[in-house]
Amino acid sequence: MKKVEEYKADPYLATVLNCALWVFYGLPIVHPDSLLVITINVTGLAIELFYLSVYFYFSPTPRKVKVGLWLIGEMVFVGIVATCTLLLFHTHNQRSTFVGIICVVFISIMYIAPLTIMSKVIKTKSVKYMPFSLSLANFLNGVIWVIYALIKFDLFILIGNGLGTISGAVQLILYACYYKTTPKDDEKEENLSKANSQLQLSGNEEQAKRVSA
């Protein structure tokens, strides 16, 4: 039976909020000439929602409730940010600054979210719940956006993705350190089989003693 085991939805939830905020930041009414920012983050939002739908489907009920509540909370928050931006600020510079600061805060949260996974990797000396592809993607994503920010001189994109580059690099270092100490599935099955065999053998010996007595 397929299940999510110890995988956490935190990184995906954080990324959904982050992408939604950056989509709003890139709109012409906030920060004109940011078509690339909108395109990339709309794509990212769609991918993360797909990941969450799969996670939601295979999760137990308590986790489904948690994910659902978080998504509702994120939608409400983005709505509040959009309303405040349009009502309180009336120039592109003001709106870009206000939304940009919020985006930096939440992109930092997105990149900090994997800390829960990284701490688990260090404690268990296993990278089972920290996929290499995701860590590599985070690192490359940060690097590419840092380059983009330097070209466009966008301080908000630079700060947030600079943190992302560092976070991704740390994850890759942890992966390199603990990959060899991660138990393979075959080893786990073998150990489980041995444990079951020993348990069965002990049971047979106990039964034989009772019969001889």
C-alpha atoms as a PDB file:
ATOM      1  CA  MET A   1       0.000   0.000   0.000  1.00  0.00           C
ATOM      2  CA  LYS A   2       1.364   3.418  -0.970  1.00  0.00           C
ATOM      3  CA  LYS A   3       1.782   5.926   1.845  1.00  0.00           C
ATOM      4  CA  VAL A   4       3.724   9.086   2.660  1.00  0.00           C
ATOM      5  CA  GLU A   5       5.551   7.529   5.647  1.00  0.00           C
ATOM      6  CA  GLU A   6       7.690  10.227   7.337  1.00  0.00           C
ATOM      7  CA  TYR A   7       7.709  12.630   4.407  1.00  0.00           C
ATOM      8  CA  LYS A   8       6.566  16.120   5.398  1.00  0.00           C
ATOM      9  CA  ALA A   9       4.430  18.533   3.378  1.00  0.00           C
ATOM     10  CA  ASP A  10       6.193  21.593   4.860  1.00  0.00           C
ATOM     11  CA  PRO A  11       8.512  22.328   1.891  1.00  0.00           C
ATOM     12  CA  TYR A  12       5.662  22.012  -0.612  1.00  0.00           C
ATOM     13  CA  LEU A  13       3.301  24.215   1.402  1.00  0.00           C
ATOM     14  CA  ALA A  14       6.023  26.833   1.802  1.00  0.00           C
ATOM     15  CA  THR A  15       6.757  26.756  -1.927  1.00  0.00           C
ATOM     16  CA  VAL A  16       3.070  27.182  -2.834  1.00  0.00           C
ATOM     17  CA  LEU A  17       2.865  30.355  -0.744  1.00  0.00           C
ATOM     18  CA  ASN A  18       6.180  31.595  -2.091  1.00  0.00           C
ATOM     19  CA  CYS A  19       5.181  31.082  -5.738  1.00  0.00           C
ATOM     20  CA  ALA A  20       1.787  32.726  -5.222  1.00  0.00           C
ATOM     21  CA  LEU A  21       3.409  35.817  -3.699  1.00  0.00           C
ATOM     22  CA  TRP A  22       6.006  36.085  -6.480  1.00  0.00           C
ATOM     23  CA  VAL A  23       3.275  35.786  -9.118  1.00  0.00           C
ATOM     24  CA  PHE A  24       1.569  38.783  -7.521  1.00  0.00           C
ATOM     25  CA  TYR A  25       4.908  40.625  -7.286  1.00  0.00           C
ATOM     26  CA  GLY A  26       5.451  40.157 -11.023  1.00  0.00           C
ATOM     27  CA  LEU A  27       2.059  41.506 -12.095  1.00  0.00           C
ATOM     28  CA  PRO A  28       2.127  44.783 -14.103  1.00  0.00           C
ATOM     29  CA  ILE A  29       0.146  46.562 -11.374  1.00  0.00           C
ATOM     30  CA  VAL A  30       2.940  45.833  -8.887  1.00  0.00           C
ATOM     31  CA  HIS A  31       6.266  45.359 -10.702  1.00  0.00           C
ATOM     32  CA  PRO A  32       6.040  45.932 -14.484  1.00  0.00           C
ATOM     33  CA  ASP A  33       8.192  44.066 -17.028  1.00  0.00           C
ATOM     34  CA  SER A  34       8.447  40.902 -14.923  1.00  0.00           C
ATOM     35  CA  LEU A  35       6.937  38.375 -17.330  1.00  0.00           C
ATOM     36  CA  LEU A  36       9.653  35.812 -16.593  1.00  0.00           C
ATOM     37  CA  VAL A  37       8.962  36.020 -12.856  1.00  0.00           C
ATOM     38  CA  ILE A  38       5.256  35.396 -13.464  1.00  0.00           C
ATOM     39  CA  THR A  39       5.802  32.551 -15.943  1.00  0.00           C
ATOM     40  CA  ILE A  40       8.264  30.629 -13.790  1.00  0.00           C
ATOM     41  CA  ASN A  41       6.267  31.002 -10.597  1.00  0.00           C
ATOM     42  CA  VAL A  42       2.933  30.065 -12.198  1.00  0.00           C
ATOM     43  CA  THR A  43       4.639  26.904 -13.451  1.00  0.00           C
ATOM     44  CA  GLY A  44       6.138  26.281 -10.014  1.00  0.00           C
ATOM     45  CA  LEU A  45       2.767  26.826  -8.364  1.00  0.00           C
ATOM     46  CA  ALA A  46       1.125  24.263 -10.654  1.00  0.00           C
ATOM     47  CA  ILE A  47       3.862  21.693  -9.981  1.00  0.00           C
ATOM     48  CA  GLU A  48       3.732  22.160  -6.205  1.00  0.00           C
ATOM     49  CA  LEU A  49      -0.065  21.858  -6.165  1.00  0.00           C
ATOM     50  CA  PHE A  50       0.288  18.603  -8.089  1.00  0.00           C
ATOM     51  CA  TYR A  51       2.828  17.323  -5.536  1.00  0.00           C
ATOM     52  CA  LEU A  52       0.493  18.308  -2.708  1.00  0.00           C
ATOM     53  CA  SER A  53      -2.470  16.590  -4.344  1.00  0.00           C
ATOM     54  CA  VAL A  54      -0.478  13.343  -4.508  1.00  0.00           C
ATOM     55  CA  TYR A  55       0.675  13.802  -0.902  1.00  0.00           C
ATOM     56  CA  PHE A  56      -2.897  14.579   0.156  1.00  0.00           C
ATOM     57  CA  TYR A  57      -4.274  11.478  -1.582  1.00  0.00           C
ATOM     58  CA  PHE A  58      -1.897   9.068   0.151  1.00  0.00           C
ATOM     59  CA  SER A  59      -1.907  10.769   3.577  1.00  0.00           C
ATOM     60  CA  PRO A  60      -3.868   9.679   6.664  1.00  0.00           C
ATOM     61  CA  THR A  61      -6.843  11.857   7.606  1.00  0.00           C
ATOM     62  CA  PRO A  62      -5.047  14.027  10.239  1.00  0.00           C
ATOM     63  CA  ARG A  63      -2.411  15.052   7.689  1.00  0.00           C
ATOM     64  CA  LYS A  64      -5.083  15.744   5.066  1.00  0.00           C
ATOM     65  CA  VAL A  65      -6.797  18.114   7.474  1.00  0.00           C
ATOM     66  CA  LYS A  66      -3.503  19.850   8.248  1.00  0.00           C
ATOM     67  CA  VAL A  67      -2.614  20.322   4.570  1.00  0.00           C
ATOM     68  CA  GLY A  68      -6.117  21.575   3.750  1.00  0.00           C
ATOM     69  CA  LEU A  69      -6.104  24.123   6.564  1.00  0.00           C
ATOM     70  CA  TRP A  70      -2.661  25.390   5.590  1.00  0.00           C
ATOM     71  CA  LEU A  71      -3.712  25.862   1.961  1.00  0.00           C
ATOM     72  CA  ILE A  72      -6.837  27.772   2.984  1.00  0.00           C
ATOM     73  CA  GLY A  73      -4.753  29.948   5.305  1.00  0.00           C
ATOM     74  CA  GLU A  74      -2.267  30.665   2.524  1.00  0.00           C
ATOM     75  CA  MET A  75      -5.024  31.710   0.095  1.00  0.00           C
ATOM     76  CA  VAL A  76      -6.510  34.044   2.692  1.00  0.00           C
ATOM     77  CA  PHE A  77      -3.083  35.546   3.413  1.00  0.00           C
ATOM     78  CA  VAL A  78      -2.322  36.200  -0.268  1.00  0.00           C
ATOM     79  CA  GLY A  79      -5.744  37.820  -0.616  1.00  0.00           C
ATOM     80  CA  ILE A  80      -5.022  40.115   2.332  1.00  0.00           C
ATOM     81  CA  VAL A  81      -1.613  41.079   0.901  1.00  0.00           C
ATOM     82  CA  ALA A  82      -3.160  41.851  -2.494  1.00  0.00           C
ATOM     83  CA  THR A  83      -5.934  43.950  -0.954  1.00  0.00           C
ATOM     84  CA  CYS A  84      -3.547  45.953   1.239  1.00  0.00           C
ATOM     85  CA  THR A  85      -1.161  46.522  -1.675  1.00  0.00           C
ATOM     86  CA  LEU A  86      -3.811  47.889  -4.006  1.00  0.00           C
ATOM     87  CA  LEU A  87      -5.607  50.007  -1.416  1.00  0.00           C
ATOM     88  CA  LEU A  88      -2.689  51.436   0.556  1.00  0.00           C
ATOM     89  CA  PHE A  89      -0.025  51.972  -2.121  1.00  0.00           C
ATOM     90  CA  HIS A  90      -0.519  53.840  -5.384  1.00  0.00           C
ATOM     91  CA  THR A  91       2.832  53.766  -7.206  1.00  0.00           C
ATOM     92  CA  HIS A  92       4.778  50.877  -8.696  1.00  0.00           C
ATOM     93  CA  ASN A  93       7.780  51.654  -6.511  1.00  0.00           C
ATOM     94  CA  GLN A  94       5.741  51.566  -3.298  1.00  0.00           C
ATOM     95  CA  ARG A  95       3.923  48.391  -4.282  1.00  0.00           C
ATOM     96  CA  SER A  96       7.139  46.679  -5.405  1.00  0.00           C
ATOM     97  CA  THR A  97       8.830  47.525  -2.116  1.00  0.00           C
ATOM     98  CA  PHE A  98       5.914  46.363   0.047  1.00  0.00           C
ATOM     99  CA  VAL A  99       5.302  43.098  -1.802  1.00  0.00           C
ATOM    100  CA  GLY A 100       9.031  42.549  -2.357  1.00  0.00           C
ATOM    101  CA  ILE A 101       9.763  42.643   1.381  1.00  0.00           C
ATOM    102  CA  ILE A 102       6.979  40.134   2.038  1.00  0.00           C
ATOM    103  CA  CYS A 103       8.295  37.912  -0.761  1.00  0.00           C
ATOM    104  CA  VAL A 104      11.799  37.951   0.725  1.00  0.00           C
ATOM    105  CA  VAL A 105      10.413  36.897   4.117  1.00  0.00           C
ATOM    106  CA  PHE A 106       8.451  33.995   2.685  1.00  0.00           C
ATOM    107  CA  ILE A 107      11.040  32.805   0.198  1.00  0.00           C
ATOM    108  CA  SER A 108      13.358  32.639   3.210  1.00  0.00           C
ATOM    109  CA  ILE A 109      10.743  30.498   4.985  1.00  0.00           C
ATOM    110  CA  MET A 110      10.530  28.268   1.908  1.00  0.00           C
ATOM    111  CA  TYR A 111      14.254  27.671   1.967  1.00  0.00           C
ATOM    112  CA  ILE A 112      14.323  27.300   5.767  1.00  0.00           C
ATOM    113  CA  ALA A 113      11.469  24.748   5.713  1.00  0.00           C
ATOM    114  CA  PRO A 114      13.840  21.880   4.732  1.00  0.00           C
ATOM    115  CA  LEU A 115      15.697  22.436   8.033  1.00  0.00           C
ATOM    116  CA  THR A 116      13.267  19.951   9.614  1.00  0.00           C
ATOM    117  CA  ILE A 117      14.359  17.391   7.035  1.00  0.00           C
ATOM    118  CA  MET A 118      18.034  18.305   7.396  1.00  0.00           C
ATOM    119  CA  SER A 119      17.899  17.830  11.163  1.00  0.00           C
ATOM    120  CA  LYS A 120      16.322  14.415  10.600  1.00  0.00           C
ATOM    121  CA  VAL A 121      19.132  13.526   8.184  1.00  0.00           C
ATOM    122  CA  ILE A 122      21.758  14.426  10.788  1.00  0.00           C
ATOM    123  CA  LYS A 123      19.996  12.513  13.581  1.00  0.00           C
ATOM    124  CA  THR A 124      19.326   9.360  11.559  1.00  0.00           C
ATOM    125  CA  LYS A 125      22.429   9.591   9.353  1.00  0.00           C
ATOM    126  CA  SER A 126      20.078   8.785   6.477  1.00  0.00           C
ATOM    127  CA  VAL A 127      19.082  10.824   3.412  1.00  0.00           C
ATOM    128  CA  LYS A 128      16.013   8.678   2.702  1.00  0.00           C
ATOM    129  CA  TYR A 129      13.619  11.575   3.280  1.00  0.00           C
ATOM    130  CA  MET A 130      15.748  14.217   1.522  1.00  0.00           C
ATOM    131  CA  PRO A 131      15.640  13.415  -2.217  1.00  0.00           C
ATOM    132  CA  PHE A 132      18.811  14.347  -4.083  1.00  0.00           C
ATOM    133  CA  SER A 133      16.856  15.669  -7.081  1.00  0.00           C
ATOM    134  CA  LEU A 134      14.920  18.129  -4.891  1.00  0.00           C
ATOM    135  CA  SER A 135      18.082  19.364  -3.154  1.00  0.00           C
ATOM    136  CA  LEU A 136      19.864  19.813  -6.480  1.00  0.00           C
ATOM    137  CA  ALA A 137      16.851  21.610  -7.959  1.00  0.00           C
ATOM    138  CA  ASN A 138      16.736  24.012  -4.990  1.00  0.00           C
ATOM    139  CA  PHE A 139      20.420  24.801  -5.395  1.00  0.00           C
ATOM    140  CA  LEU A 140      20.261  25.338  -9.168  1.00  0.00           C
ATOM    141  CA  ASN A 141      17.060  27.366  -8.825  1.00  0.00           C
ATOM    142  CA  GLY A 142      18.766  29.671  -6.333  1.00  0.00           C
ATOM    143  CA  VAL A 143      21.853  30.100  -8.511  1.00  0.00           C
ATOM    144  CA  ILE A 144      19.864  30.899 -11.663  1.00  0.00           C
ATOM    145  CA  TRP A 145      17.655  33.448  -9.904  1.00  0.00           C
ATOM    146  CA  VAL A 146      20.690  35.099  -8.305  1.00  0.00           C
ATOM    147  CA  ILE A 147      22.168  35.558 -11.788  1.00  0.00           C
ATOM    148  CA  TYR A 148      18.841  36.942 -13.033  1.00  0.00           C
ATOM    149  CA  ALA A 149      18.631  39.341 -10.073  1.00  0.00           C
ATOM    150  CA  LEU A 150      22.144  40.634 -10.739  1.00  0.00           C
ATOM    151  CA  ILE A 151      21.278  41.291 -14.389  1.00  0.00           C
ATOM    152  CA  LYS A 152      17.978  43.013 -13.541  1.00  0.00           C
ATOM    153  CA  PHE A 153      19.336  44.676 -10.372  1.00  0.00           C
ATOM    154  CA  ASP A 154      16.394  43.321  -8.354  1.00  0.00           C
ATOM    155  CA  LEU A 155      17.436  43.360  -4.697  1.00  0.00           C
ATOM    156  CA  PHE A 156      14.421  41.391  -3.468  1.00  0.00           C
ATOM    157  CA  ILE A 157      15.019  38.470  -5.826  1.00  0.00           C
ATOM    158  CA  LEU A 158      18.743  38.570  -5.022  1.00  0.00           C
ATOM    159  CA  ILE A 159      18.354  38.357  -1.228  1.00  0.00           C
ATOM    160  CA  GLY A 160      15.781  35.573  -1.209  1.00  0.00           C
ATOM    161  CA  ASN A 161      17.497  33.381  -3.756  1.00  0.00           C
ATOM    162  CA  GLY A 162      20.909  34.017  -2.250  1.00  0.00           C
ATOM    163  CA  LEU A 163      19.568  32.277   0.853  1.00  0.00           C
ATOM    164  CA  GLY A 164      18.157  29.561  -1.406  1.00  0.00           C
ATOM    165  CA  THR A 165      21.561  28.945  -2.941  1.00  0.00           C
ATOM    166  CA  ILE A 166      23.104  28.544   0.517  1.00  0.00           C
ATOM    167  CA  SER A 167      20.286  26.252   1.677  1.00  0.00           C
ATOM    168  CA  GLY A 168      20.589  24.074  -1.417  1.00  0.00           C
ATOM    169  CA  ALA A 169      24.364  23.854  -1.026  1.00  0.00           C
ATOM    170  CA  VAL A 170      24.011  22.732   2.611  1.00  0.00           C
ATOM    171  CA  GLN A 171      21.516  20.045   1.577  1.00  0.00           C
ATOM    172  CA  LEU A 172      23.889  18.742  -1.093  1.00  0.00           C
ATOM    173  CA  ILE A 173      26.754  18.661   1.413  1.00  0.00           C
ATOM    174  CA  LEU A 174      24.594  16.688   3.862  1.00  0.00           C
ATOM    175  CA  TYR A 175      23.616  14.319   1.080  1.00  0.00           C
ATOM    176  CA  ALA A 176      27.273  13.714   0.240  1.00  0.00           C
ATOM    177  CA  CYS A 177      28.092  13.129   3.926  1.00  0.00           C
ATOM    178  CA  TYR A 178      25.254  10.720   4.749  1.00  0.00           C
ATOM    179  CA  TYR A 179      24.502   8.962   1.463  1.00  0.00           C
ATOM    180  CA  LYS A 180      26.763   6.012   2.274  1.00  0.00           C
ATOM    181  CA  THR A 181      25.289   5.581   5.763  1.00  0.00           C
ATOM    182  CA  THR A 182      21.709   5.433   4.442  1.00  0.00           C
ATOM    183  CA  PRO A 183      20.290   1.899   4.830  1.00  0.00           C
ATOM    184  CA  LYS A 184      19.285   0.427   1.497  1.00  0.00           C
ATOM    185  CA  ASP A 185      15.811  -1.052   1.095  1.00  0.00           C
ATOM    186  CA  ASP A 186      17.323  -4.473   0.375  1.00  0.00           C
ATOM    187  CA  GLU A 187      19.270  -4.348   3.636  1.00  0.00           C
ATOM    188  CA  LYS A 188      16.139  -3.415   5.561  1.00  0.00           C
ATOM    189  CA  GLU A 189      14.195  -6.291   4.024  1.00  0.00           C
ATOM    190  CA  GLU A 190      17.062  -8.669   4.784  1.00  0.00           C
ATOM    191  CA  ASN A 191      17.245  -7.508   8.407  1.00  0.00           C
ATOM    192  CA  LEU A 192      13.482  -7.828   8.752  1.00  0.00           C
ATOM    193  CA  SER A 193      13.604 -11.310   7.267  1.00  0.00           C
ATOM    194  CA  LYS A 194      16.365 -12.314   9.682  1.00  0.00           C
ATOM    195  CA  ALA A 195      14.409 -10.923  12.612  1.00  0.00           C
ATOM    196  CA  ASN A 196      11.302 -12.848  11.560  1.00  0.00           C
ATOM    197  CA  SER A 197      13.333 -16.032  11.120  1.00  0.00           C
ATOM    198  CA  GLN A 198      14.886 -15.656  14.560  1.00  0.00           C
ATOM    199  CA  LEU A 199      11.479 -15.006  16.076  1.00  0.00           C
ATOM    200  CA  GLN A 200      10.036 -18.064  14.373  1.00  0.00           C
ATOM    201  CA  LEU A 201      13.004 -20.191  15.464  1.00  0.00           C
ATOM    202  CA  SER A 202      12.623 -19.025  19.055  1.00  0.00           C
ATOM    203  CA  GLY A 203       8.946 -19.898  18.918  1.00  0.00           C
ATOM    204  CA  ASN A 204       9.674 -23.374  17.591  1.00  0.00           C
ATOM    205  CA  GLU A 205      12.272 -23.976  20.289  1.00  0.00           C
ATOM    206  CA  GLU A 206       9.844 -22.847  22.976  1.00  0.00           C
ATOM    207  CA  GLN A 207       7.155 -25.134  21.585  1.00  0.00           C
ATOM    208  CA  ALA A 208       9.591 -28.073  21.470  1.00  0.00           C
ATOM    209  CA  LYS A 209      10.515 -27.527  25.119  1.00  0.00           C
ATOM    210  CA  ARG A 210       6.863 -27.579  26.111  1.00  0.00           C
ATOM    211  CA  VAL A 211       6.253 -30.832  24.204  1.00  0.00           C
ATOM    212  CA  SER A 212       9.298 -32.556  25.736  1.00  0.00           C
ATOM    213  CA  ALA A 213       8.229 -31.411  29.194  1.00  0.00           C
END
